[in-house]
Amino acid sequence: MIVILLGVLFAALTLSTFSAGSAHADEVGTEYEFALSGNVRFNGDPLEGVLITAQGGGYDAEVETDAEGKWKIGVPEKDTYEVTLDEDTLPEGVVVEDGANVFQAEFDLIDSVSVNFFLGEGTRETTSFFNQFLDRLVNGVNFGLLLALAAIGVSLIFGTTGLSNFAHAELITFGALMTLVFSGFGLPVWLAILIAVVLSGALGYTLDAALWKPLRRKGVAVIPLMIVSIGLSLALRYVYQFFFGGSTSQLPGTGQADLKFGPISISPIDIGSMLISIIVLLAVAYFLLRTRIGKATRAVSDNPSLASASGIDVDNVIRIVWVVGAALAGLSGVLWAYFRPGVSWDMGFQMLLLVFAAVTLGGLGTAFGALVGSLIVGIFVEVSTLWIPSDMKFAGALVVLILVLLFRPQGILGRKERIG
């Protein structure tokens, strides 16, 4: 566990370095989940300092374009907005045709709408399919890695207890909320993340000691335990809503400019997220393969009765699994809050189905199977937006899950079991 915490601390320091910069001056409304964005160009050249106004649904905001001619306005809800370019802020000699400075932007199934003002003749910029594919692929790997952090926790808990823990979604949310709280106290974001991960592990310890261990000792069957986890999930979710409200808040450092690596656009926050995920996943692999507790965990997962007969303290192993699984879920929630972006009371529930899909796809009860399944789900979810609407990408991941299970019911790394 010391290795895991050191890995989180090291990578979080990296994330802190990336997050030191302030949010863009060309963005407003970063606390909202939905956004309007675009470019202003004249004959292909970006125009800086042009005023853009968005009005609609009782909301009014304005922003100036940056040096690259880009602008972005966050909006509180999906509605129809009138986007206006202020002609008085255009450089001398640049004019707009009558009515061409006003656009009606309407949200449909998507969370963001682009409104571009291309003035003069200019040239049309297009991105090849291959370049789009590479960009989505990198985003998919990033998403798959943070998904793996949560999925491994679910898989370890299932492997040692047989419980499909639906309340794992709220452990994910808890990590993001605690980071929001402690960063709001003025602490550096890396320290807030570290505190949130530790508190998430403490929450896992508390839940097992106060709820799951007493139920196990009473011999409660797996199905009733699963129903209890559903009830716990609902209770925690609405406790979060009661204390934090229903709005979406942003963690420090959100909204930084993307860095360009050829056709790939990736933000410093995403780079930090991937580094954190890789370091922690390597630490978890070392924990399971090389440490005494890790080997005991694998033994309990394979055969709890035989492990107990061999002198392994099964209850202690399960307690450690709950702590590790909850800590990983909390860290996943922090990275998910940066990826979405935003922290909300039900954010963990939004990715719960994908977590279970990754665990089932990789093989129930296998930590490394959860990693493989998460990467497949994450990559497919992001790459699939090249062909299907972005709001349907999560459904596509479930189609892949069904197809794989039709041909390999035990999952990719799962083992066949004889029944009867």
Protein backbone atom coordinates (compact mmCIF):
# COMPACT_ATOMS: atom_id res chain seq x y z
CA MET A 1 0.00 0.00 0.00
CA ILE A 2 2.95 2.33 0.64
CA VAL A 3 4.01 1.80 -2.97
CA ILE A 4 0.53 2.72 -4.18
CA LEU A 5 0.41 5.89 -2.11
CA LEU A 6 3.90 6.90 -3.23
CA GLY A 7 2.84 6.37 -6.83
CA VAL A 8 -0.27 8.49 -6.33
CA LEU A 9 1.78 11.20 -4.62
CA PHE A 10 4.41 11.28 -7.36
CA ALA A 11 1.89 11.38 -10.17
CA ALA A 12 -0.31 13.84 -8.35
CA LEU A 13 2.68 16.16 -8.04
CA THR A 14 2.98 15.92 -11.81
CA LEU A 15 -0.71 16.78 -12.17
CA SER A 16 -0.22 19.69 -9.80
CA THR A 17 2.52 21.03 -12.03
CA PHE A 18 0.30 20.79 -15.06
CA SER A 19 -2.59 22.42 -13.19
CA ALA A 20 -0.60 25.41 -12.01
CA GLY A 21 -1.74 27.51 -14.94
CA SER A 22 -5.03 29.35 -14.77
CA ALA A 23 -8.09 28.67 -16.88
CA HIS A 24 -8.27 30.32 -20.27
CA ALA A 25 -9.11 33.97 -20.48
CA ASP A 26 -11.13 33.02 -23.58
CA GLU A 27 -13.54 30.82 -21.63
CA VAL A 28 -16.46 31.64 -19.36
CA GLY A 29 -18.97 29.42 -17.62
CA THR A 30 -16.45 26.63 -17.01
CA GLU A 31 -18.56 25.44 -14.10
CA TYR A 32 -21.22 24.20 -16.54
CA GLU A 33 -21.28 20.82 -18.28
CA PHE A 34 -22.57 22.10 -21.64
CA ALA A 35 -20.69 24.52 -23.88
CA LEU A 36 -20.72 26.66 -27.01
CA SER A 37 -17.40 27.12 -28.79
CA GLY A 38 -15.93 28.13 -32.11
CA ASN A 39 -13.41 30.09 -34.16
CA VAL A 40 -13.29 33.53 -35.73
CA ARG A 41 -11.07 33.80 -38.84
CA PHE A 42 -10.55 36.22 -41.70
CA ASN A 43 -9.12 34.77 -44.89
CA GLY A 44 -7.89 31.82 -42.85
CA ASP A 45 -6.11 33.96 -40.23
CA PRO A 46 -7.33 33.98 -36.59
CA LEU A 47 -8.81 37.19 -35.19
CA GLU A 48 -8.01 37.99 -31.57
CA GLY A 49 -10.10 40.11 -29.21
CA VAL A 50 -13.41 39.73 -31.06
CA LEU A 51 -16.37 39.84 -28.67
CA ILE A 52 -18.79 36.88 -28.80
CA THR A 53 -22.12 36.95 -26.93
CA ALA A 54 -24.45 34.03 -26.15
CA GLN A 55 -28.05 34.58 -25.02
CA GLY A 56 -30.84 32.11 -24.34
CA GLY A 57 -32.97 30.53 -21.63
CA GLY A 58 -32.47 33.52 -19.36
CA TYR A 59 -28.68 33.15 -19.58
CA ASP A 60 -26.36 35.80 -20.99
CA ALA A 61 -22.57 35.61 -21.29
CA GLU A 62 -19.81 37.07 -23.43
CA VAL A 63 -16.18 36.26 -24.16
CA GLU A 64 -13.33 37.49 -26.38
CA THR A 65 -11.43 35.29 -28.82
CA ASP A 66 -7.88 34.30 -27.94
CA ALA A 67 -4.72 34.60 -30.05
CA GLU A 68 -5.80 31.56 -32.07
CA GLY A 69 -9.22 33.05 -32.76
CA LYS A 70 -10.92 30.51 -30.47
CA TRP A 71 -13.65 31.10 -27.89
CA LYS A 72 -15.75 29.02 -25.50
CA ILE A 73 -18.80 29.76 -23.36
CA GLY A 74 -20.20 27.28 -20.84
CA VAL A 75 -24.00 27.23 -20.56
CA PRO A 76 -26.19 25.88 -17.72
CA GLU A 77 -28.59 23.77 -19.80
CA LYS A 78 -29.38 22.43 -23.25
CA ASP A 79 -31.44 25.12 -24.96
CA THR A 80 -31.43 27.33 -28.03
CA TYR A 81 -28.90 30.16 -27.81
CA GLU A 82 -28.36 33.19 -30.03
CA VAL A 83 -24.63 33.58 -30.67
CA THR A 84 -23.62 37.06 -31.82
CA LEU A 85 -20.33 38.41 -33.11
CA ASP A 86 -19.85 42.07 -32.17
CA GLU A 87 -18.89 43.80 -35.44
CA ASP A 88 -17.48 46.80 -33.56
CA THR A 89 -14.67 44.62 -32.17
CA LEU A 90 -13.50 43.44 -35.60
CA PRO A 91 -10.18 44.83 -36.92
CA GLU A 92 -10.40 47.84 -39.23
CA GLY A 93 -11.30 46.83 -42.78
CA VAL A 94 -13.00 43.56 -41.76
CA VAL A 95 -16.76 43.59 -42.30
CA VAL A 96 -19.54 41.03 -42.02
CA GLU A 97 -22.45 40.60 -44.40
CA ASP A 98 -25.85 41.61 -43.04
CA GLY A 99 -27.13 38.97 -40.63
CA ALA A 100 -23.99 36.82 -40.92
CA ASN A 101 -22.84 37.81 -37.43
CA VAL A 102 -25.75 36.05 -35.67
CA PHE A 103 -26.29 32.30 -35.39
CA GLN A 104 -28.92 30.19 -33.66
CA ALA A 105 -27.17 27.36 -31.77
CA GLU A 106 -29.44 24.51 -30.69
CA PHE A 107 -28.42 21.60 -28.46
CA ASP A 108 -29.80 18.22 -29.40
CA LEU A 109 -28.25 14.99 -28.12
CA ILE A 110 -24.75 16.43 -27.84
CA ASP A 111 -23.22 18.35 -24.93
CA SER A 112 -21.36 20.94 -27.02
CA VAL A 113 -22.16 22.99 -30.12
CA SER A 114 -19.66 24.67 -32.44
CA VAL A 115 -20.37 28.05 -34.02
CA ASN A 116 -17.66 29.32 -36.38
CA PHE A 117 -17.35 32.70 -38.04
CA PHE A 118 -15.20 32.33 -41.18
CA LEU A 119 -14.94 35.77 -42.76
CA GLY A 120 -13.51 36.56 -46.19
CA GLU A 121 -12.67 33.87 -48.68
CA GLY A 122 -10.32 31.79 -46.54
CA THR A 123 -9.65 28.08 -46.90
CA ARG A 124 -11.60 25.20 -45.47
CA GLU A 125 -9.67 23.16 -42.91
CA THR A 126 -10.47 19.45 -42.74
CA THR A 127 -9.09 16.62 -40.63
CA SER A 128 -8.47 13.25 -42.21
CA PHE A 129 -10.20 10.15 -40.89
CA PHE A 130 -6.87 8.66 -39.81
CA ASN A 131 -5.95 11.77 -37.79
CA GLN A 132 -9.37 11.76 -36.13
CA PHE A 133 -8.92 8.06 -35.34
CA LEU A 134 -5.54 8.66 -33.66
CA ASP A 135 -6.97 11.49 -31.59
CA ARG A 136 -9.94 9.39 -30.44
CA LEU A 137 -7.63 6.44 -29.76
CA VAL A 138 -5.53 8.44 -27.30
CA ASN A 139 -8.67 9.71 -25.58
CA GLY A 140 -9.92 6.12 -25.43
CA VAL A 141 -6.73 4.90 -23.77
CA ASN A 142 -6.99 7.72 -21.21
CA PHE A 143 -10.62 6.85 -20.48
CA GLY A 144 -9.84 3.12 -20.34
CA LEU A 145 -7.03 3.63 -17.81
CA LEU A 146 -9.17 5.65 -15.39
CA LEU A 147 -12.01 3.16 -15.88
CA ALA A 148 -9.60 0.36 -14.98
CA LEU A 149 -8.91 1.92 -11.57
CA ALA A 150 -12.58 1.57 -10.66
CA ALA A 151 -13.07 -1.78 -12.40
CA ILE A 152 -10.16 -3.46 -10.59
CA GLY A 153 -11.72 -2.51 -7.26
CA VAL A 154 -15.05 -4.04 -8.29
CA SER A 155 -13.28 -7.16 -9.54
CA LEU A 156 -11.24 -7.66 -6.35
CA ILE A 157 -14.32 -7.25 -4.16
CA PHE A 158 -16.29 -9.69 -6.31
CA GLY A 159 -13.43 -12.19 -6.34
CA THR A 160 -13.02 -12.27 -2.56
CA THR A 161 -16.67 -11.90 -1.44
CA GLY A 162 -18.83 -12.81 -4.46
CA LEU A 163 -20.59 -9.44 -4.11
CA SER A 164 -21.47 -7.27 -7.12
CA ASN A 165 -21.19 -3.94 -5.32
CA PHE A 166 -23.51 -1.40 -6.94
CA ALA A 167 -22.48 1.16 -4.30
CA HIS A 168 -19.04 1.27 -5.94
CA ALA A 169 -20.39 4.14 -8.04
CA GLU A 170 -20.73 6.28 -4.92
CA LEU A 171 -17.16 5.47 -3.91
CA ILE A 172 -16.14 6.94 -7.27
CA THR A 173 -18.20 10.07 -6.62
CA PHE A 174 -16.83 10.37 -3.08
CA GLY A 175 -13.24 10.79 -4.29
CA ALA A 176 -14.18 13.62 -6.65
CA LEU A 177 -16.33 15.37 -4.04
CA MET A 178 -13.60 15.23 -1.39
CA THR A 179 -11.09 16.67 -3.85
CA LEU A 180 -13.54 19.49 -4.59
CA VAL A 181 -14.02 20.16 -0.87
CA PHE A 182 -10.35 20.23 0.13
CA SER A 183 -9.22 22.17 -2.93
CA GLY A 184 -11.93 24.67 -1.98
CA PHE A 185 -10.13 25.15 1.34
CA GLY A 186 -7.17 26.53 -0.61
CA LEU A 187 -5.03 23.38 -0.51
CA PRO A 188 -2.88 22.52 -3.55
CA VAL A 189 -4.76 20.19 -5.88
CA TRP A 190 -2.19 17.38 -5.47
CA LEU A 191 -2.67 17.45 -1.69
CA ALA A 192 -6.46 17.54 -2.06
CA ILE A 193 -6.26 14.47 -4.34
CA LEU A 194 -4.07 12.59 -1.86
CA ILE A 195 -6.42 13.38 1.03
CA ALA A 196 -9.41 12.30 -1.07
CA VAL A 197 -7.78 8.95 -1.90
CA VAL A 198 -6.94 8.30 1.77
CA LEU A 199 -10.49 9.22 2.86
CA SER A 200 -11.91 6.96 0.15
CA GLY A 201 -9.89 4.05 1.55
CA ALA A 202 -11.12 4.95 5.05
CA LEU A 203 -14.72 4.92 3.77
CA GLY A 204 -14.20 1.44 2.33
CA TYR A 205 -12.80 0.26 5.68
CA THR A 206 -15.77 1.76 7.54
CA LEU A 207 -18.39 0.25 5.23
CA ASP A 208 -16.88 -3.21 5.56
CA ALA A 209 -16.52 -3.00 9.34
CA ALA A 210 -19.98 -1.54 9.96
CA LEU A 211 -22.04 -3.29 7.27
CA TRP A 212 -20.50 -5.99 5.11
CA LYS A 213 -18.57 -7.98 7.73
CA PRO A 214 -21.58 -8.33 10.10
CA LEU A 215 -23.73 -9.44 7.16
CA ARG A 216 -21.10 -12.00 6.09
CA ARG A 217 -20.92 -13.41 9.61
CA LYS A 218 -24.67 -13.85 9.65
CA GLY A 219 -24.38 -15.90 6.45
CA VAL A 220 -26.48 -13.55 4.31
CA ALA A 221 -26.63 -14.84 0.74
CA VAL A 222 -25.13 -13.04 -2.23
CA ILE A 223 -28.44 -11.86 -3.75
CA PRO A 224 -29.62 -10.10 -0.56
CA LEU A 225 -26.16 -8.54 -0.23
CA MET A 226 -26.44 -7.21 -3.77
CA ILE A 227 -29.85 -5.70 -2.96
CA VAL A 228 -28.33 -4.06 0.12
CA SER A 229 -25.60 -2.57 -2.08
CA ILE A 230 -28.27 -1.09 -4.38
CA GLY A 231 -30.02 0.49 -1.39
CA LEU A 232 -26.71 1.81 -0.07
CA SER A 233 -25.96 3.28 -3.50
CA LEU A 234 -29.28 5.15 -3.58
CA ALA A 235 -28.84 6.40 0.00
CA LEU A 236 -25.30 7.71 -0.54
CA ARG A 237 -26.21 9.29 -3.88
CA TYR A 238 -28.99 11.38 -2.41
CA VAL A 239 -26.89 12.28 0.62
CA TYR A 240 -24.38 13.73 -1.85
CA GLN A 241 -27.15 15.65 -3.59
CA PHE A 242 -28.44 16.99 -0.27
CA PHE A 243 -25.06 18.38 0.79
CA PHE A 244 -23.58 19.36 -2.58
CA GLY A 245 -26.66 20.19 -4.65
CA GLY A 246 -27.50 19.16 -8.18
CA SER A 247 -25.13 21.47 -10.06
CA THR A 248 -21.83 20.56 -11.71
CA SER A 249 -18.63 22.08 -10.31
CA GLN A 250 -15.12 22.15 -11.77
CA LEU A 251 -11.88 21.06 -10.12
CA PRO A 252 -8.85 23.40 -10.24
CA GLY A 253 -6.98 23.29 -13.53
CA THR A 254 -9.93 22.29 -15.70
CA GLY A 255 -10.09 23.91 -19.13
CA GLN A 256 -6.41 24.13 -20.01
CA ALA A 257 -5.38 24.45 -23.63
CA ASP A 258 -4.68 21.27 -25.58
CA LEU A 259 -1.14 20.45 -26.59
CA LYS A 260 -0.54 19.40 -30.19
CA PHE A 261 1.44 16.25 -31.00
CA GLY A 262 0.90 15.93 -34.74
CA PRO A 263 -2.77 15.03 -35.24
CA ILE A 264 -3.26 14.34 -31.53
CA SER A 265 -4.69 17.05 -29.25
CA ILE A 266 -4.35 16.35 -25.55
CA SER A 267 -4.45 18.60 -22.51
CA PRO A 268 -1.80 18.65 -19.77
CA ILE A 269 -4.45 17.37 -17.37
CA ASP A 270 -5.04 14.31 -19.58
CA ILE A 271 -1.31 13.61 -19.72
CA GLY A 272 -1.15 13.80 -15.92
CA SER A 273 -4.21 11.53 -15.66
CA MET A 274 -2.60 8.88 -17.85
CA LEU A 275 0.65 9.01 -15.88
CA ILE A 276 -1.20 8.65 -12.57
CA SER A 277 -3.26 5.72 -13.88
CA ILE A 278 -0.24 3.86 -15.27
CA ILE A 279 1.84 4.30 -12.09
CA VAL A 280 -0.99 3.21 -9.80
CA LEU A 281 -1.91 0.23 -12.00
CA LEU A 282 1.72 -0.91 -11.97
CA ALA A 283 1.71 -0.54 -8.17
CA VAL A 284 -1.46 -2.66 -7.94
CA ALA A 285 0.12 -5.32 -10.17
CA TYR A 286 3.19 -5.40 -7.91
CA PHE A 287 0.92 -5.62 -4.85
CA LEU A 288 -0.98 -8.62 -6.24
CA LEU A 289 1.99 -10.50 -7.69
CA ARG A 290 4.88 -9.79 -5.32
CA THR A 291 3.60 -9.01 -1.83
CA ARG A 292 2.44 -11.49 0.77
CA ILE A 293 -0.95 -9.80 1.19
CA GLY A 294 -1.40 -9.71 -2.58
CA LYS A 295 -0.74 -13.44 -2.89
CA ALA A 296 -3.17 -14.07 -0.03
CA THR A 297 -5.75 -11.96 -1.87
CA ARG A 298 -5.38 -14.08 -4.99
CA ALA A 299 -5.66 -17.24 -2.88
CA VAL A 300 -8.89 -16.06 -1.25
CA SER A 301 -10.24 -15.10 -4.68
CA ASP A 302 -9.47 -18.57 -6.06
CA ASN A 303 -10.84 -20.60 -3.10
CA PRO A 304 -11.81 -18.89 0.20
CA SER A 305 -12.34 -22.17 2.09
CA LEU A 306 -8.98 -23.61 1.07
CA ALA A 307 -7.26 -20.29 1.82
CA SER A 308 -8.78 -20.28 5.32
CA ALA A 309 -7.69 -23.88 5.89
CA SER A 310 -4.17 -22.87 4.85
CA GLY A 311 -3.99 -20.35 7.69
CA ILE A 312 -4.91 -17.19 5.76
CA ASP A 313 -7.02 -14.66 7.70
CA VAL A 314 -9.81 -14.31 5.13
CA ASP A 315 -11.60 -11.49 6.97
CA ASN A 316 -8.40 -9.45 7.13
CA VAL A 317 -7.76 -9.99 3.42
CA ILE A 318 -11.30 -8.91 2.57
CA ARG A 319 -10.89 -5.80 4.74
CA ILE A 320 -7.69 -4.85 2.87
CA VAL A 321 -9.43 -5.46 -0.47
CA TRP A 322 -12.22 -3.07 0.54
CA VAL A 323 -9.70 -0.39 1.48
CA VAL A 324 -7.68 -0.79 -1.73
CA GLY A 325 -10.80 -1.03 -3.92
CA ALA A 326 -12.35 2.10 -2.37
CA ALA A 327 -9.09 4.06 -2.67
CA LEU A 328 -8.78 3.12 -6.35
CA ALA A 329 -12.42 4.09 -6.91
CA GLY A 330 -11.85 7.48 -5.27
CA LEU A 331 -8.82 8.15 -7.47
CA SER A 332 -10.79 7.07 -10.53
CA GLY A 333 -13.49 9.56 -9.57
CA VAL A 334 -10.96 12.41 -9.47
CA LEU A 335 -9.62 11.55 -12.92
CA TRP A 336 -13.18 11.08 -14.24
CA ALA A 337 -14.04 14.57 -12.96
CA TYR A 338 -11.22 16.00 -15.10
CA PHE A 339 -12.12 13.85 -18.11
CA ARG A 340 -15.88 14.68 -18.18
CA PRO A 341 -15.15 17.48 -17.02
CA GLY A 342 -16.97 18.37 -13.78
CA VAL A 343 -18.02 17.03 -10.35
CA SER A 344 -21.66 16.19 -9.72
CA TRP A 345 -23.61 14.14 -7.20
CA ASP A 346 -24.39 11.31 -9.66
CA MET A 347 -21.17 11.21 -11.69
CA GLY A 348 -20.17 7.75 -10.41
CA PHE A 349 -23.52 6.29 -11.39
CA GLN A 350 -22.98 7.58 -14.94
CA MET A 351 -19.97 5.29 -15.39
CA LEU A 352 -21.14 2.33 -13.25
CA LEU A 353 -22.57 0.39 -16.20
CA LEU A 354 -19.29 0.76 -18.08
CA VAL A 355 -17.36 -0.44 -15.01
CA PHE A 356 -19.46 -3.61 -14.81
CA ALA A 357 -19.17 -4.05 -18.57
CA ALA A 358 -15.36 -3.87 -18.31
CA VAL A 359 -15.27 -6.35 -15.40
CA THR A 360 -17.56 -8.81 -17.16
CA LEU A 361 -15.76 -8.42 -20.46
CA GLY A 362 -12.36 -9.08 -18.90
CA GLY A 363 -13.55 -11.92 -16.68
CA LEU A 364 -15.36 -11.74 -13.34
CA GLY A 365 -13.03 -11.74 -10.34
CA THR A 366 -9.79 -11.22 -12.28
CA ALA A 367 -8.00 -7.92 -11.70
CA PHE A 368 -5.96 -8.13 -14.89
CA GLY A 369 -9.09 -9.07 -16.82
CA ALA A 370 -10.70 -5.88 -15.51
CA LEU A 371 -7.74 -3.91 -16.88
CA VAL A 372 -8.02 -5.51 -20.33
CA GLY A 373 -11.79 -5.08 -20.39
CA SER A 374 -11.52 -1.44 -19.35
CA LEU A 375 -9.06 -0.60 -22.11
CA ILE A 376 -11.29 -2.27 -24.70
CA VAL A 377 -14.39 -0.47 -23.45
CA GLY A 378 -12.62 2.89 -23.16
CA ILE A 379 -11.12 2.74 -26.64
CA PHE A 380 -14.33 1.53 -28.25
CA VAL A 381 -16.42 4.22 -26.52
CA GLU A 382 -14.22 7.04 -27.82
CA VAL A 383 -13.45 5.65 -31.30
CA SER A 384 -17.09 4.76 -31.96
CA THR A 385 -17.97 8.49 -32.08
CA LEU A 386 -16.45 8.52 -35.57
CA TRP A 387 -19.54 6.63 -36.76
CA ILE A 388 -22.28 7.10 -34.16
CA PRO A 389 -23.57 10.15 -32.19
CA SER A 390 -21.55 10.84 -29.04
CA ASP A 391 -24.60 10.37 -26.81
CA MET A 392 -24.90 6.76 -28.01
CA LYS A 393 -21.26 5.77 -27.47
CA PHE A 394 -21.90 4.07 -24.11
CA ALA A 395 -24.58 1.86 -25.65
CA GLY A 396 -22.05 0.75 -28.25
CA ALA A 397 -19.77 -0.57 -25.50
CA LEU A 398 -22.56 -2.80 -24.26
CA VAL A 399 -23.02 -4.22 -27.76
CA VAL A 400 -19.35 -5.24 -27.75
CA LEU A 401 -19.85 -6.83 -24.32
CA ILE A 402 -22.77 -8.91 -25.57
CA LEU A 403 -20.90 -10.06 -28.67
CA VAL A 404 -17.84 -11.15 -26.68
CA LEU A 405 -19.92 -13.02 -24.09
CA LEU A 406 -21.80 -14.88 -26.84
CA PHE A 407 -18.52 -16.44 -27.96
CA ARG A 408 -16.65 -16.46 -24.63
CA PRO A 409 -19.10 -16.38 -21.69
CA GLN A 410 -16.35 -16.44 -19.03
CA GLY A 411 -14.82 -13.22 -20.38
CA ILE A 412 -11.46 -12.64 -22.02
CA LEU A 413 -9.24 -13.73 -19.10
CA GLY A 414 -11.88 -15.63 -17.12
CA ARG A 415 -11.76 -19.38 -16.54
CA LYS A 416 -14.39 -21.89 -17.54
CA GLU A 417 -16.22 -23.40 -14.55
CA ARG A 418 -18.04 -26.67 -14.44
CA ILE A 419 -21.60 -26.53 -13.12
CA GLY A 420 -23.00 -29.60 -11.32
